[in-house]
Amino acid sequence: MSTIMPEGELLRRAVAWICEQSGENAAPTPRIIDEAAVRFNLGPLDQEALTRFFRQRPPQGDGPA
């Protein structure tokens, strides 16, 4: 029996997984985003949202002081 997840929970889990896979400061590759879409059973709109999210995300790490 499957459990019902709140709206967007799979997308949040996919973002966390992608961050783990790509490293703390590295941008994820399209291959990692594709794998997350399959792993978390995301639809095309969710996959596009992941791509946009990581494309627009500011770089992590040391910024100006």
Protein backbone atom coordinates (compact mmCIF):
# COMPACT_ATOMS: atom_id res chain seq x y z
CA MET A 1 0.00 0.00 0.00
CA SER A 2 1.46 3.36 -0.95
CA THR A 3 1.46 6.41 1.26
CA ILE A 4 0.15 9.78 0.21
CA MET A 5 2.79 12.50 0.17
CA PRO A 6 2.13 16.20 0.52
CA GLU A 7 2.21 18.30 -2.63
CA GLY A 8 5.81 18.93 -3.68
CA GLU A 9 7.40 16.47 -1.26
CA LEU A 10 8.94 14.37 -4.04
CA LEU A 11 10.36 17.51 -5.61
CA ARG A 12 11.91 18.57 -2.28
CA ARG A 13 13.43 15.11 -1.85
CA ALA A 14 14.79 15.26 -5.40
CA VAL A 15 16.45 18.64 -4.70
CA ALA A 16 18.08 17.24 -1.56
CA TRP A 17 19.27 14.14 -3.44
CA ILE A 18 20.68 16.21 -6.30
CA CYS A 19 22.59 18.40 -3.83
CA GLU A 20 24.10 15.28 -2.24
CA GLN A 21 25.06 13.82 -5.61
CA SER A 22 26.56 16.94 -7.14
CA GLY A 23 28.55 18.05 -4.12
CA GLU A 24 28.17 21.08 -1.93
CA ASN A 25 29.50 23.69 -4.34
CA ALA A 26 29.13 22.04 -7.74
CA ALA A 27 26.28 22.63 -10.15
CA PRO A 28 24.38 19.44 -11.00
CA THR A 29 24.74 17.99 -14.45
CA PRO A 30 21.71 17.35 -16.64
CA ARG A 31 22.39 13.63 -16.18
CA ILE A 32 21.94 13.95 -12.39
CA ILE A 33 18.70 15.87 -12.86
CA ASP A 34 17.44 13.21 -15.29
CA GLU A 35 18.34 10.47 -12.83
CA ALA A 36 16.51 12.29 -10.02
CA ALA A 37 13.41 12.59 -12.20
CA VAL A 38 13.38 8.83 -12.70
CA ARG A 39 14.32 7.99 -9.10
CA PHE A 40 11.58 10.21 -7.63
CA ASN A 41 9.00 9.54 -10.37
CA LEU A 42 8.73 13.19 -11.39
CA GLY A 43 6.80 14.40 -14.39
CA PRO A 44 8.15 16.62 -17.17
CA LEU A 45 7.00 19.83 -15.47
CA ASP A 46 8.73 18.88 -12.22
CA GLN A 47 11.90 17.99 -14.13
CA GLU A 48 11.83 21.38 -15.84
CA ALA A 49 11.32 23.04 -12.45
CA LEU A 50 14.45 21.26 -11.16
CA THR A 51 16.43 22.44 -14.16
CA ARG A 52 15.28 26.04 -13.66
CA PHE A 53 15.91 25.88 -9.91
CA PHE A 54 19.51 24.78 -10.29
CA ARG A 55 20.17 27.14 -13.20
CA GLN A 56 18.94 30.16 -11.19
CA ARG A 57 20.45 29.13 -7.86
CA PRO A 58 23.22 31.50 -6.76
CA PRO A 59 26.67 29.92 -6.48
CA GLN A 60 27.50 28.47 -3.08
CA GLY A 61 30.71 29.02 -1.21
CA ASP A 62 32.73 32.07 -0.33
CA GLY A 63 31.18 35.30 -1.45
CA PRO A 64 32.44 38.84 -1.18
CA ALA A 65 33.24 39.90 2.37
